[in-house]
Amino acid sequence: MKKSILAKMTKEIRESEEIPLDTIPDIELYMEQLLTFLNQHLKAIVAKPDVPVFTKTMVNNYTKDGLLIPPKNKKYTKQHILLLILIYNLKGILSISDIKRLFEPILRDMDTPDDDLLPLEDIYTTYLELTEKHLAEFNENFVQKLSFITDKTAHLEGENNVNDAQLFLSVLLLVSQASLSKKMAELIIETYFAKKDKIPDTALPSDHELNGVFKSPEK
């Protein structure tokens, strides 16, 4: 895989996934308006064009399961949009039950943001920052691994054969990385985000430590 192709793919992923905070409407929306905004902005690269990212049933189920803030007077706010975008990104790796376990000690009572350990907007912006940082590092790290893949296919003859083999090994590499990250995330949730009576207090990070993670970087 050429570096130029890799850079192009990374750019496509960045453009399809990122929804800057200042582009999210800070007004109340009805269900259809909410779905229109989300489905227009969350354009999954490999998704079928006629299949929406979110449906009314999905949003209602998230609310019933206690994963999404209940709407007021059938209207959804900026908080709902932020949470749904985060759910969309997380569910590619985590199960819905694990996502709920992850958010419970942070957002706490879903009926109000007043008791949130970390403000939802801070969580969202930090997620965008982490994603941007990972994409920047991904290009550099993957280019380094391409030399390993090139060595593994050096004995092959024919440009098409070499390309097919290198693309195949590239996918294996990406799946290996994704699998490791997924297992690590699941292990952290299983160990530290179980029911409170199953987690020793000494195993949990303090509020001060968690707040430090989301502190704005010094200029």
N, C-alpha and C. Protein backbone atom coordinates (compact mmCIF):
# COMPACT_ATOMS: atom_id res chain seq x y z
N MET A 1 0.84 -1.20 0.00
CA MET A 1 0.00 0.00 0.00
C MET A 1 0.88 1.25 0.00
N LYS A 2 0.62 2.15 -0.92
CA LYS A 2 1.41 3.37 -1.02
C LYS A 2 1.04 4.35 0.09
N LYS A 3 2.02 5.17 0.47
CA LYS A 3 1.79 6.16 1.52
C LYS A 3 0.68 7.14 1.14
N SER A 4 0.62 7.48 -0.14
CA SER A 4 -0.38 8.44 -0.59
C SER A 4 -1.80 7.88 -0.43
N ILE A 5 -1.95 6.58 -0.69
CA ILE A 5 -3.25 5.93 -0.54
C ILE A 5 -3.64 5.87 0.93
N LEU A 6 -2.67 5.55 1.78
CA LEU A 6 -2.91 5.51 3.22
C LEU A 6 -3.35 6.87 3.75
N ALA A 7 -2.67 7.92 3.30
CA ALA A 7 -3.01 9.28 3.73
C ALA A 7 -4.43 9.65 3.28
N LYS A 8 -4.78 9.24 2.06
CA LYS A 8 -6.12 9.53 1.54
C LYS A 8 -7.19 8.83 2.36
N MET A 9 -6.95 7.56 2.71
CA MET A 9 -7.91 6.81 3.51
C MET A 9 -8.08 7.42 4.89
N THR A 10 -6.98 7.83 5.49
CA THR A 10 -7.03 8.45 6.81
C THR A 10 -7.83 9.75 6.77
N LYS A 11 -7.64 10.52 5.70
CA LYS A 11 -8.39 11.76 5.53
C LYS A 11 -9.89 11.49 5.41
N GLU A 12 -10.24 10.45 4.66
CA GLU A 12 -11.65 10.10 4.49
C GLU A 12 -12.28 9.71 5.82
N ILE A 13 -11.54 8.95 6.62
CA ILE A 13 -12.04 8.55 7.94
C ILE A 13 -12.24 9.77 8.82
N ARG A 14 -11.26 10.66 8.81
CA ARG A 14 -11.35 11.87 9.63
C ARG A 14 -12.58 12.70 9.25
N GLU A 15 -12.78 12.89 7.95
CA GLU A 15 -13.89 13.72 7.48
C GLU A 15 -15.24 13.08 7.72
N SER A 16 -15.30 11.75 7.72
CA SER A 16 -16.58 11.07 7.89
C SER A 16 -16.98 10.95 9.35
N GLU A 17 -16.00 10.96 10.25
CA GLU A 17 -16.28 10.71 11.67
C GLU A 17 -16.39 11.98 12.51
N GLU A 18 -15.67 13.01 12.14
CA GLU A 18 -15.57 14.18 13.02
C GLU A 18 -16.73 15.15 12.84
N ILE A 19 -17.39 15.46 13.95
CA ILE A 19 -18.42 16.50 13.97
C ILE A 19 -18.00 17.49 15.05
N PRO A 20 -17.38 18.62 14.66
CA PRO A 20 -16.92 19.59 15.65
C PRO A 20 -18.04 20.07 16.56
N LEU A 21 -17.69 20.37 17.79
CA LEU A 21 -18.68 20.76 18.79
C LEU A 21 -19.47 21.98 18.35
N ASP A 22 -18.80 22.94 17.70
CA ASP A 22 -19.48 24.18 17.33
C ASP A 22 -20.44 24.02 16.15
N THR A 23 -20.45 22.83 15.52
CA THR A 23 -21.39 22.59 14.43
C THR A 23 -22.66 21.87 14.91
N ILE A 24 -22.67 21.48 16.16
CA ILE A 24 -23.83 20.77 16.71
C ILE A 24 -24.85 21.80 17.20
N PRO A 25 -26.08 21.74 16.72
CA PRO A 25 -27.08 22.75 17.09
C PRO A 25 -27.39 22.76 18.58
N ASP A 26 -27.41 23.95 19.13
CA ASP A 26 -27.71 24.11 20.56
C ASP A 26 -29.17 24.53 20.72
N ILE A 27 -30.04 23.82 20.05
CA ILE A 27 -31.48 24.09 20.11
C ILE A 27 -32.20 22.75 20.28
N GLU A 28 -33.45 22.83 20.70
CA GLU A 28 -34.23 21.61 20.89
C GLU A 28 -34.76 21.11 19.55
N LEU A 29 -34.67 19.79 19.36
CA LEU A 29 -35.09 19.17 18.11
C LEU A 29 -36.12 18.08 18.36
N TYR A 30 -37.03 17.93 17.43
CA TYR A 30 -37.94 16.79 17.48
C TYR A 30 -37.21 15.58 16.91
N MET A 31 -37.79 14.41 17.12
CA MET A 31 -37.15 13.17 16.73
C MET A 31 -36.68 13.18 15.27
N GLU A 32 -37.55 13.56 14.34
CA GLU A 32 -37.18 13.54 12.92
C GLU A 32 -36.04 14.50 12.63
N GLN A 33 -36.02 15.66 13.29
CA GLN A 33 -34.93 16.62 13.09
C GLN A 33 -33.62 16.05 13.64
N LEU A 34 -33.73 15.39 14.78
CA LEU A 34 -32.56 14.75 15.40
C LEU A 34 -31.97 13.69 14.47
N LEU A 35 -32.82 12.83 13.95
CA LEU A 35 -32.37 11.76 13.06
C LEU A 35 -31.78 12.31 11.77
N THR A 36 -32.38 13.36 11.24
CA THR A 36 -31.86 13.98 10.02
C THR A 36 -30.45 14.50 10.23
N PHE A 37 -30.24 15.20 11.33
CA PHE A 37 -28.91 15.75 11.62
C PHE A 37 -27.87 14.63 11.76
N LEU A 38 -28.19 13.63 12.57
CA LEU A 38 -27.24 12.56 12.84
C LEU A 38 -26.92 11.75 11.58
N ASN A 39 -27.95 11.41 10.83
CA ASN A 39 -27.74 10.57 9.65
C ASN A 39 -27.04 11.31 8.52
N GLN A 40 -27.17 12.63 8.49
CA GLN A 40 -26.47 13.42 7.48
C GLN A 40 -24.99 13.59 7.82
N HIS A 41 -24.69 13.66 9.11
CA HIS A 41 -23.32 13.96 9.53
C HIS A 41 -22.48 12.72 9.82
N LEU A 42 -23.12 11.64 10.22
CA LEU A 42 -22.38 10.41 10.50
C LEU A 42 -22.40 9.52 9.26
N LYS A 43 -21.54 9.82 8.34
CA LYS A 43 -21.51 9.11 7.06
C LYS A 43 -20.46 8.01 7.11
N ALA A 44 -20.86 6.84 7.57
CA ALA A 44 -19.93 5.72 7.62
C ALA A 44 -19.44 5.37 6.22
N ILE A 45 -18.14 5.21 6.08
CA ILE A 45 -17.53 5.01 4.76
C ILE A 45 -18.03 3.74 4.08
N VAL A 46 -18.13 2.65 4.83
CA VAL A 46 -18.50 1.37 4.22
C VAL A 46 -19.96 1.02 4.44
N ALA A 47 -20.74 1.93 5.03
CA ALA A 47 -22.14 1.64 5.29
C ALA A 47 -22.96 1.72 4.00
N LYS A 48 -24.08 1.00 3.96
CA LYS A 48 -24.96 1.07 2.81
C LYS A 48 -25.65 2.43 2.80
N PRO A 49 -25.67 3.11 1.67
CA PRO A 49 -26.21 4.47 1.60
C PRO A 49 -27.69 4.57 1.98
N ASP A 50 -28.44 3.48 1.80
CA ASP A 50 -29.87 3.53 2.08
C ASP A 50 -30.21 3.07 3.50
N VAL A 51 -29.19 2.77 4.30
CA VAL A 51 -29.41 2.32 5.68
C VAL A 51 -29.02 3.44 6.63
N PRO A 52 -29.96 4.00 7.41
CA PRO A 52 -29.63 5.10 8.31
C PRO A 52 -28.74 4.65 9.47
N VAL A 53 -27.91 5.56 9.94
CA VAL A 53 -27.05 5.26 11.09
C VAL A 53 -27.89 5.13 12.35
N PHE A 54 -28.88 6.01 12.48
CA PHE A 54 -29.80 5.98 13.63
C PHE A 54 -31.24 5.90 13.13
N THR A 55 -32.06 5.20 13.90
CA THR A 55 -33.50 5.13 13.63
C THR A 55 -34.26 5.52 14.89
N LYS A 56 -35.54 5.78 14.73
CA LYS A 56 -36.39 6.13 15.87
C LYS A 56 -36.40 5.01 16.90
N THR A 57 -36.45 3.78 16.42
CA THR A 57 -36.46 2.62 17.33
C THR A 57 -35.18 2.55 18.15
N MET A 58 -34.05 2.79 17.52
CA MET A 58 -32.77 2.75 18.22
C MET A 58 -32.72 3.80 19.32
N VAL A 59 -33.12 5.03 19.00
CA VAL A 59 -33.09 6.11 19.98
C VAL A 59 -34.03 5.79 21.15
N ASN A 60 -35.21 5.30 20.85
CA ASN A 60 -36.17 4.95 21.91
C ASN A 60 -35.64 3.82 22.78
N ASN A 61 -34.99 2.85 22.17
CA ASN A 61 -34.43 1.73 22.95
C ASN A 61 -33.31 2.19 23.87
N TYR A 62 -32.45 3.09 23.37
CA TYR A 62 -31.38 3.62 24.21
C TYR A 62 -31.97 4.36 25.42
N THR A 63 -33.06 5.06 25.19
CA THR A 63 -33.71 5.79 26.29
C THR A 63 -34.32 4.82 27.30
N LYS A 64 -35.00 3.80 26.81
CA LYS A 64 -35.61 2.80 27.70
C LYS A 64 -34.57 2.05 28.52
N ASP A 65 -33.41 1.82 27.91
CA ASP A 65 -32.33 1.10 28.60
C ASP A 65 -31.57 1.97 29.59
N GLY A 66 -31.91 3.25 29.64
CA GLY A 66 -31.23 4.15 30.57
C GLY A 66 -29.88 4.62 30.07
N LEU A 67 -29.62 4.43 28.79
CA LEU A 67 -28.35 4.85 28.21
C LEU A 67 -28.41 6.28 27.70
N LEU A 68 -29.60 6.73 27.36
CA LEU A 68 -29.80 8.06 26.80
C LEU A 68 -30.70 8.88 27.71
N ILE A 69 -30.41 10.17 27.79
CA ILE A 69 -31.20 11.09 28.61
C ILE A 69 -32.63 11.13 28.07
N PRO A 70 -33.64 10.97 28.92
CA PRO A 70 -35.03 11.05 28.44
C PRO A 70 -35.33 12.43 27.87
N PRO A 71 -36.03 12.51 26.74
CA PRO A 71 -36.36 13.83 26.15
C PRO A 71 -37.44 14.52 26.97
N LYS A 72 -37.49 15.84 26.88
CA LYS A 72 -38.52 16.62 27.55
C LYS A 72 -39.48 17.16 26.50
N ASN A 73 -40.74 16.83 26.68
CA ASN A 73 -41.78 17.25 25.73
C ASN A 73 -41.45 16.80 24.30
N LYS A 74 -40.88 15.59 24.22
CA LYS A 74 -40.53 14.97 22.93
C LYS A 74 -39.47 15.75 22.16
N LYS A 75 -38.70 16.56 22.87
CA LYS A 75 -37.65 17.35 22.23
C LYS A 75 -36.28 16.92 22.75
N TYR A 76 -35.32 16.92 21.84
CA TYR A 76 -33.96 16.49 22.15
C TYR A 76 -33.00 17.68 22.08
N THR A 77 -32.03 17.67 22.97
CA THR A 77 -31.10 18.80 23.10
C THR A 77 -29.72 18.45 22.57
N LYS A 78 -28.82 19.41 22.70
CA LYS A 78 -27.43 19.21 22.30
C LYS A 78 -26.81 18.05 23.08
N GLN A 79 -27.22 17.89 24.34
CA GLN A 79 -26.71 16.80 25.17
C GLN A 79 -27.05 15.44 24.56
N HIS A 80 -28.26 15.32 24.04
CA HIS A 80 -28.66 14.07 23.39
C HIS A 80 -27.79 13.78 22.17
N ILE A 81 -27.55 14.81 21.37
CA ILE A 81 -26.75 14.63 20.16
C ILE A 81 -25.33 14.18 20.51
N LEU A 82 -24.72 14.83 21.50
CA LEU A 82 -23.37 14.48 21.92
C LEU A 82 -23.31 13.02 22.37
N LEU A 83 -24.27 12.65 23.18
CA LEU A 83 -24.27 11.28 23.71
C LEU A 83 -24.51 10.25 22.61
N LEU A 84 -25.39 10.55 21.68
CA LEU A 84 -25.65 9.63 20.57
C LEU A 84 -24.44 9.47 19.66
N ILE A 85 -23.71 10.55 19.43
CA ILE A 85 -22.49 10.45 18.61
C ILE A 85 -21.45 9.59 19.32
N LEU A 86 -21.32 9.78 20.63
CA LEU A 86 -20.38 8.95 21.39
C LEU A 86 -20.80 7.48 21.35
N ILE A 87 -22.09 7.22 21.51
CA ILE A 87 -22.59 5.85 21.45
C ILE A 87 -22.29 5.23 20.09
N TYR A 88 -22.51 6.01 19.04
CA TYR A 88 -22.24 5.55 17.67
C TYR A 88 -20.79 5.11 17.51
N ASN A 89 -19.87 5.90 18.05
CA ASN A 89 -18.45 5.57 17.93
C ASN A 89 -18.06 4.40 18.83
N LEU A 90 -18.63 4.36 20.02
CA LEU A 90 -18.25 3.31 20.97
C LEU A 90 -18.81 1.94 20.58
N LYS A 91 -20.00 1.92 19.98
CA LYS A 91 -20.63 0.62 19.72
C LYS A 91 -19.95 -0.15 18.59
N GLY A 92 -19.03 0.50 17.89
CA GLY A 92 -18.23 -0.23 16.92
C GLY A 92 -17.24 -1.17 17.60
N ILE A 93 -16.97 -0.92 18.88
CA ILE A 93 -16.02 -1.73 19.64
C ILE A 93 -16.68 -2.42 20.83
N LEU A 94 -17.57 -1.69 21.51
CA LEU A 94 -18.16 -2.20 22.75
C LEU A 94 -19.63 -2.59 22.55
N SER A 95 -20.09 -3.50 23.38
CA SER A 95 -21.51 -3.85 23.39
C SER A 95 -22.29 -2.71 24.06
N ILE A 96 -23.58 -2.67 23.82
CA ILE A 96 -24.41 -1.62 24.43
C ILE A 96 -24.38 -1.73 25.95
N SER A 97 -24.37 -2.96 26.46
CA SER A 97 -24.33 -3.14 27.92
C SER A 97 -23.02 -2.61 28.51
N ASP A 98 -21.90 -2.82 27.79
CA ASP A 98 -20.61 -2.30 28.26
C ASP A 98 -20.57 -0.77 28.18
N ILE A 99 -21.17 -0.21 27.14
CA ILE A 99 -21.22 1.25 27.03
C ILE A 99 -22.00 1.84 28.20
N LYS A 100 -23.09 1.19 28.57
CA LYS A 100 -23.89 1.66 29.70
C LYS A 100 -23.08 1.59 30.99
N ARG A 101 -22.36 0.48 31.18
CA ARG A 101 -21.52 0.33 32.37
C ARG A 101 -20.43 1.39 32.40
N LEU A 102 -19.91 1.73 31.24
CA LEU A 102 -18.83 2.72 31.15
C LEU A 102 -19.32 4.10 31.56
N PHE A 103 -20.53 4.47 31.13
CA PHE A 103 -21.04 5.81 31.40
C PHE A 103 -21.66 5.97 32.79
N GLU A 104 -22.14 4.89 33.39
CA GLU A 104 -22.90 5.00 34.63
C GLU A 104 -22.19 5.75 35.76
N PRO A 105 -20.91 5.45 36.05
CA PRO A 105 -20.25 6.18 37.15
C PRO A 105 -19.80 7.58 36.76
N ILE A 106 -19.91 7.92 35.47
CA ILE A 106 -19.46 9.23 35.00
C ILE A 106 -20.64 10.20 34.84
N LEU A 107 -21.68 9.74 34.15
CA LEU A 107 -22.87 10.59 33.95
C LEU A 107 -23.92 10.39 35.03
N ARG A 108 -23.80 9.27 35.76
CA ARG A 108 -24.63 9.01 36.93
C ARG A 108 -26.12 9.06 36.61
N ASP A 109 -26.86 9.99 37.20
CA ASP A 109 -28.31 10.06 36.97
C ASP A 109 -28.55 10.65 35.58
N MET A 110 -29.10 9.83 34.67
CA MET A 110 -29.29 10.28 33.30
C MET A 110 -30.38 11.34 33.17
N ASP A 111 -31.18 11.52 34.21
CA ASP A 111 -32.27 12.50 34.14
C ASP A 111 -31.76 13.93 34.29
N THR A 112 -30.53 14.08 34.76
CA THR A 112 -30.00 15.42 34.99
C THR A 112 -28.49 15.44 34.78
N PRO A 113 -27.95 16.53 34.24
CA PRO A 113 -26.49 16.64 34.09
C PRO A 113 -25.82 17.20 35.34
N ASP A 114 -26.61 17.57 36.33
CA ASP A 114 -26.08 18.27 37.51
C ASP A 114 -25.11 17.42 38.32
N ASP A 115 -25.25 16.09 38.27
CA ASP A 115 -24.39 15.23 39.09
C ASP A 115 -23.30 14.54 38.26
N ASP A 116 -23.12 14.98 37.01
CA ASP A 116 -22.11 14.36 36.16
C ASP A 116 -20.72 14.53 36.75
N LEU A 117 -19.95 13.45 36.78
CA LEU A 117 -18.57 13.54 37.24
C LEU A 117 -17.74 14.37 36.26
N LEU A 118 -18.00 14.16 34.99
CA LEU A 118 -17.35 14.92 33.92
C LEU A 118 -18.42 15.46 32.99
N PRO A 119 -18.39 16.77 32.67
CA PRO A 119 -19.39 17.33 31.76
C PRO A 119 -19.35 16.63 30.40
N LEU A 120 -20.52 16.39 29.84
CA LEU A 120 -20.62 15.66 28.58
C LEU A 120 -19.88 16.38 27.46
N GLU A 121 -19.92 17.69 27.43
CA GLU A 121 -19.21 18.44 26.39
C GLU A 121 -17.70 18.22 26.51
N ASP A 122 -17.19 18.14 27.73
CA ASP A 122 -15.76 17.89 27.93
C ASP A 122 -15.39 16.49 27.47
N ILE A 123 -16.26 15.52 27.75
CA ILE A 123 -16.01 14.15 27.30
C ILE A 123 -15.95 14.12 25.78
N TYR A 124 -16.88 14.80 25.14
CA TYR A 124 -16.97 14.79 23.68
C TYR A 124 -15.74 15.44 23.05
N THR A 125 -15.37 16.62 23.51
CA THR A 125 -14.22 17.32 22.92
C THR A 125 -12.93 16.54 23.16
N THR A 126 -12.82 15.90 24.32
CA THR A 126 -11.63 15.10 24.59
C THR A 126 -11.58 13.89 23.68
N TYR A 127 -12.73 13.30 23.40
CA TYR A 127 -12.77 12.17 22.48
C TYR A 127 -12.30 12.60 21.08
N LEU A 128 -12.75 13.77 20.64
CA LEU A 128 -12.30 14.27 19.34
C LEU A 128 -10.79 14.51 19.32
N GLU A 129 -10.27 15.05 20.41
CA GLU A 129 -8.84 15.31 20.50
C GLU A 129 -8.04 14.01 20.47
N LEU A 130 -8.52 13.01 21.21
CA LEU A 130 -7.85 11.71 21.23
C LEU A 130 -7.87 11.05 19.85
N THR A 131 -9.01 11.17 19.16
CA THR A 131 -9.14 10.59 17.83
C THR A 131 -8.19 11.26 16.85
N GLU A 132 -8.11 12.58 16.91
CA GLU A 132 -7.21 13.32 16.01
C GLU A 132 -5.75 12.94 16.28
N LYS A 133 -5.41 12.83 17.56
CA LYS A 133 -4.05 12.45 17.93
C LYS A 133 -3.73 11.03 17.44
N HIS A 134 -4.70 10.13 17.59
CA HIS A 134 -4.48 8.75 17.16
C HIS A 134 -4.33 8.67 15.64
N LEU A 135 -5.13 9.43 14.91
CA LEU A 135 -5.03 9.41 13.45
C LEU A 135 -3.66 9.90 12.98
N ALA A 136 -3.16 10.95 13.65
CA ALA A 136 -1.85 11.49 13.29
C ALA A 136 -0.75 10.46 13.55
N GLU A 137 -0.85 9.77 14.69
CA GLU A 137 0.15 8.76 15.04
C GLU A 137 -0.02 7.51 14.19
N PHE A 138 -1.26 7.22 13.80
CA PHE A 138 -1.55 6.01 13.03
C PHE A 138 -0.79 6.00 11.71
N ASN A 139 -0.82 7.11 11.00
CA ASN A 139 -0.12 7.19 9.71
C ASN A 139 1.36 6.85 9.86
N GLU A 140 1.98 7.48 10.84
CA GLU A 140 3.41 7.29 11.05
C GLU A 140 3.72 5.84 11.44
N ASN A 141 2.94 5.29 12.38
CA ASN A 141 3.19 3.93 12.85
C ASN A 141 2.92 2.89 11.76
N PHE A 142 1.86 3.12 10.98
CA PHE A 142 1.50 2.15 9.96
C PHE A 142 2.53 2.11 8.83
N VAL A 143 3.06 3.27 8.50
CA VAL A 143 4.09 3.33 7.46
C VAL A 143 5.30 2.50 7.89
N GLN A 144 5.63 2.56 9.17
CA GLN A 144 6.75 1.77 9.68
C GLN A 144 6.48 0.27 9.54
N LYS A 145 5.24 -0.12 9.78
CA LYS A 145 4.88 -1.55 9.70
C LYS A 145 4.79 -2.02 8.25
N LEU A 146 4.60 -1.10 7.32
CA LEU A 146 4.52 -1.50 5.91
C LEU A 146 5.83 -2.12 5.42
N SER A 147 6.94 -1.69 6.01
CA SER A 147 8.23 -2.27 5.62
C SER A 147 8.28 -3.75 6.01
N PHE A 148 7.68 -4.09 7.13
CA PHE A 148 7.60 -5.49 7.56
C PHE A 148 6.77 -6.30 6.57
N ILE A 149 5.63 -5.72 6.15
CA ILE A 149 4.77 -6.40 5.19
C ILE A 149 5.47 -6.54 3.85
N THR A 150 6.22 -5.52 3.45
CA THR A 150 6.97 -5.57 2.18
C THR A 150 7.98 -6.71 2.21
N ASP A 151 8.65 -6.88 3.34
CA ASP A 151 9.62 -7.97 3.47
C ASP A 151 8.94 -9.34 3.36
N LYS A 152 7.74 -9.45 3.90
CA LYS A 152 7.03 -10.72 3.90
C LYS A 152 6.52 -11.11 2.50
N THR A 153 6.45 -10.13 1.63
CA THR A 153 5.94 -10.40 0.27
C THR A 153 7.01 -10.25 -0.80
N ALA A 154 8.25 -10.09 -0.37
CA ALA A 154 9.34 -9.84 -1.32
C ALA A 154 9.58 -11.01 -2.26
N HIS A 155 9.21 -12.21 -1.87
CA HIS A 155 9.47 -13.39 -2.69
C HIS A 155 8.43 -13.58 -3.80
N LEU A 156 7.35 -12.82 -3.77
CA LEU A 156 6.28 -12.99 -4.74
C LEU A 156 6.62 -12.32 -6.08
N GLU A 157 6.08 -12.87 -7.14
CA GLU A 157 6.29 -12.30 -8.46
C GLU A 157 4.96 -11.79 -9.02
N GLY A 158 5.04 -10.73 -9.80
CA GLY A 158 3.84 -10.15 -10.40
C GLY A 158 3.27 -9.05 -9.51
N GLU A 159 3.07 -7.88 -10.11
CA GLU A 159 2.60 -6.73 -9.35
C GLU A 159 1.25 -6.98 -8.68
N ASN A 160 0.33 -7.62 -9.39
CA ASN A 160 -0.99 -7.89 -8.83
C ASN A 160 -0.91 -8.82 -7.63
N ASN A 161 -0.07 -9.84 -7.73
CA ASN A 161 0.09 -10.78 -6.62
C ASN A 161 0.66 -10.08 -5.39
N VAL A 162 1.65 -9.24 -5.63
CA VAL A 162 2.27 -8.50 -4.52
C VAL A 162 1.25 -7.58 -3.86
N ASN A 163 0.49 -6.85 -4.67
CA ASN A 163 -0.51 -5.93 -4.13
C ASN A 163 -1.56 -6.66 -3.31
N ASP A 164 -2.06 -7.79 -3.85
CA ASP A 164 -3.08 -8.55 -3.14
C ASP A 164 -2.56 -9.07 -1.80
N ALA A 165 -1.34 -9.58 -1.81
CA ALA A 165 -0.76 -10.12 -0.59
C ALA A 165 -0.52 -9.02 0.44
N GLN A 166 -0.05 -7.86 -0.01
CA GLN A 166 0.23 -6.75 0.92
C GLN A 166 -1.06 -6.19 1.51
N LEU A 167 -2.11 -6.09 0.69
CA LEU A 167 -3.39 -5.63 1.21
C LEU A 167 -3.97 -6.61 2.22
N PHE A 168 -3.83 -7.90 1.93
CA PHE A 168 -4.30 -8.94 2.84
C PHE A 168 -3.59 -8.84 4.18
N LEU A 169 -2.27 -8.73 4.16
CA LEU A 169 -1.50 -8.63 5.40
C LEU A 169 -1.78 -7.31 6.12
N SER A 170 -2.07 -6.26 5.38
CA SER A 170 -2.42 -4.98 5.99
C SER A 170 -3.71 -5.10 6.79
N VAL A 171 -4.68 -5.81 6.22
CA VAL A 171 -5.95 -6.03 6.93
C VAL A 171 -5.72 -6.87 8.18
N LEU A 172 -4.89 -7.91 8.07
CA LEU A 172 -4.58 -8.73 9.25
C LEU A 172 -3.94 -7.88 10.35
N LEU A 173 -3.04 -7.00 9.95
CA LEU A 173 -2.38 -6.12 10.91
C LEU A 173 -3.39 -5.23 11.62
N LEU A 174 -4.29 -4.61 10.85
CA LEU A 174 -5.29 -3.72 11.43
C LEU A 174 -6.25 -4.47 12.35
N VAL A 175 -6.65 -5.66 11.93
CA VAL A 175 -7.56 -6.46 12.76
C VAL A 175 -6.87 -6.87 14.05
N SER A 176 -5.60 -7.21 13.96
CA SER A 176 -4.83 -7.58 15.15
C SER A 176 -4.78 -6.43 16.14
N GLN A 177 -4.52 -5.21 15.64
CA GLN A 177 -4.47 -4.03 16.50
C GLN A 177 -5.84 -3.74 17.11
N ALA A 178 -6.89 -3.83 16.27
CA ALA A 178 -8.24 -3.55 16.75
C ALA A 178 -8.68 -4.57 17.79
N SER A 179 -8.33 -5.84 17.56
CA SER A 179 -8.70 -6.90 18.49
C SER A 179 -8.04 -6.69 19.85
N LEU A 180 -6.78 -6.32 19.84
CA LEU A 180 -6.07 -6.08 21.09
C LEU A 180 -6.69 -4.90 21.84
N SER A 181 -6.98 -3.81 21.12
CA SER A 181 -7.59 -2.64 21.75
C SER A 181 -8.97 -2.97 22.32
N LYS A 182 -9.74 -3.74 21.57
CA LYS A 182 -11.08 -4.13 22.02
C LYS A 182 -11.00 -4.96 23.30
N LYS A 183 -10.10 -5.94 23.31
CA LYS A 183 -9.97 -6.81 24.49
C LYS A 183 -9.50 -6.01 25.70
N MET A 184 -8.60 -5.06 25.48
CA MET A 184 -8.11 -4.24 26.58
C MET A 184 -9.23 -3.37 27.15
N ALA A 185 -10.03 -2.75 26.27
CA ALA A 185 -11.15 -1.92 26.72
C ALA A 185 -12.16 -2.74 27.49
N GLU A 186 -12.47 -3.93 26.98
CA GLU A 186 -13.43 -4.80 27.66
C GLU A 186 -12.91 -5.25 29.02
N LEU A 187 -11.63 -5.52 29.11
CA LEU A 187 -11.04 -5.94 30.38
C LEU A 187 -11.10 -4.82 31.41
N ILE A 188 -10.82 -3.58 30.98
CA ILE A 188 -10.89 -2.44 31.90
C ILE A 188 -12.32 -2.27 32.40
N ILE A 189 -13.30 -2.37 31.51
CA ILE A 189 -14.70 -2.23 31.91
C ILE A 189 -15.10 -3.35 32.87
N GLU A 190 -14.71 -4.57 32.55
CA GLU A 190 -15.05 -5.71 33.39
C GLU A 190 -14.41 -5.60 34.77
N THR A 191 -13.20 -5.05 34.83
CA THR A 191 -12.47 -4.97 36.10
C THR A 191 -12.88 -3.77 36.94
N TYR A 192 -13.08 -2.62 36.30
CA TYR A 192 -13.27 -1.39 37.05
C TYR A 192 -14.66 -0.76 36.91
N PHE A 193 -15.48 -1.25 36.01
CA PHE A 193 -16.79 -0.65 35.81
C PHE A 193 -17.92 -1.64 36.09
N ALA A 194 -17.65 -2.61 36.95
CA ALA A 194 -18.70 -3.53 37.37
C ALA A 194 -19.57 -2.82 38.40
N LYS A 195 -20.54 -3.54 38.97
CA LYS A 195 -21.38 -2.93 39.98
C LYS A 195 -20.53 -2.46 41.15
N LYS A 196 -20.94 -1.37 41.76
CA LYS A 196 -20.12 -0.73 42.79
C LYS A 196 -19.75 -1.67 43.94
N ASP A 197 -20.67 -2.57 44.30
CA ASP A 197 -20.39 -3.46 45.42
C ASP A 197 -19.37 -4.53 45.08
N LYS A 198 -18.98 -4.61 43.79
CA LYS A 198 -17.99 -5.59 43.37
C LYS A 198 -16.62 -4.98 43.14
N ILE A 199 -16.52 -3.66 43.27
CA ILE A 199 -15.26 -2.98 42.98
C ILE A 199 -14.66 -2.41 44.26
N PRO A 200 -13.45 -2.81 44.62
CA PRO A 200 -12.81 -2.21 45.80
C PRO A 200 -12.50 -0.76 45.56
N ASP A 201 -12.74 0.09 46.57
CA ASP A 201 -12.52 1.53 46.41
C ASP A 201 -11.09 1.85 46.00
N THR A 202 -10.14 1.04 46.49
CA THR A 202 -8.73 1.32 46.20
C THR A 202 -8.39 1.10 44.74
N ALA A 203 -9.26 0.38 44.03
CA ALA A 203 -8.97 0.10 42.61
C ALA A 203 -9.42 1.20 41.70
N LEU A 204 -10.25 2.10 42.21
CA LEU A 204 -10.80 3.15 41.37
C LEU A 204 -9.96 4.41 41.42
N PRO A 205 -9.80 5.10 40.29
CA PRO A 205 -9.12 6.39 40.30
C PRO A 205 -9.97 7.42 41.02
N SER A 206 -9.33 8.39 41.65
CA SER A 206 -10.06 9.42 42.37
C SER A 206 -10.71 10.40 41.42
N ASP A 207 -11.67 11.19 41.94
CA ASP A 207 -12.30 12.23 41.12
C ASP A 207 -11.25 13.20 40.61
N HIS A 208 -10.27 13.50 41.44
CA HIS A 208 -9.22 14.44 41.05
C HIS A 208 -8.42 13.90 39.87
N GLU A 209 -8.10 12.59 39.90
CA GLU A 209 -7.34 11.98 38.82
C GLU A 209 -8.13 11.98 37.52
N LEU A 210 -9.44 11.66 37.61
CA LEU A 210 -10.27 11.66 36.41
C LEU A 210 -10.42 13.05 35.83
N ASN A 211 -10.61 14.04 36.70
CA ASN A 211 -10.75 15.42 36.22
C ASN A 211 -9.48 15.88 35.52
N GLY A 212 -8.34 15.39 36.00
CA GLY A 212 -7.07 15.78 35.40
C GLY A 212 -6.95 15.33 33.97
N VAL A 213 -7.58 14.20 33.63
CA VAL A 213 -7.52 13.67 32.28
C VAL A 213 -8.19 14.63 31.31
N PHE A 214 -9.25 15.30 31.78
CA PHE A 214 -10.03 16.16 30.89
C PHE A 214 -9.69 17.62 31.07
N LYS A 215 -8.64 17.91 31.78
CA LYS A 215 -8.22 19.29 31.96
C LYS A 215 -7.65 19.83 30.66
N SER A 216 -8.01 21.05 30.32
CA SER A 216 -7.51 21.65 29.07
C SER A 216 -6.00 21.78 29.13
N PRO A 217 -5.29 21.45 28.05
CA PRO A 217 -3.83 21.55 28.03
C PRO A 217 -3.39 23.00 28.16
N GLU A 218 -2.29 23.18 28.86
CA GLU A 218 -1.75 24.53 29.05
C GLU A 218 -1.20 25.07 27.74
N LYS A 219 -1.43 26.31 27.49
CA LYS A 219 -0.95 26.94 26.26
C LYS A 219 0.44 27.52 26.46
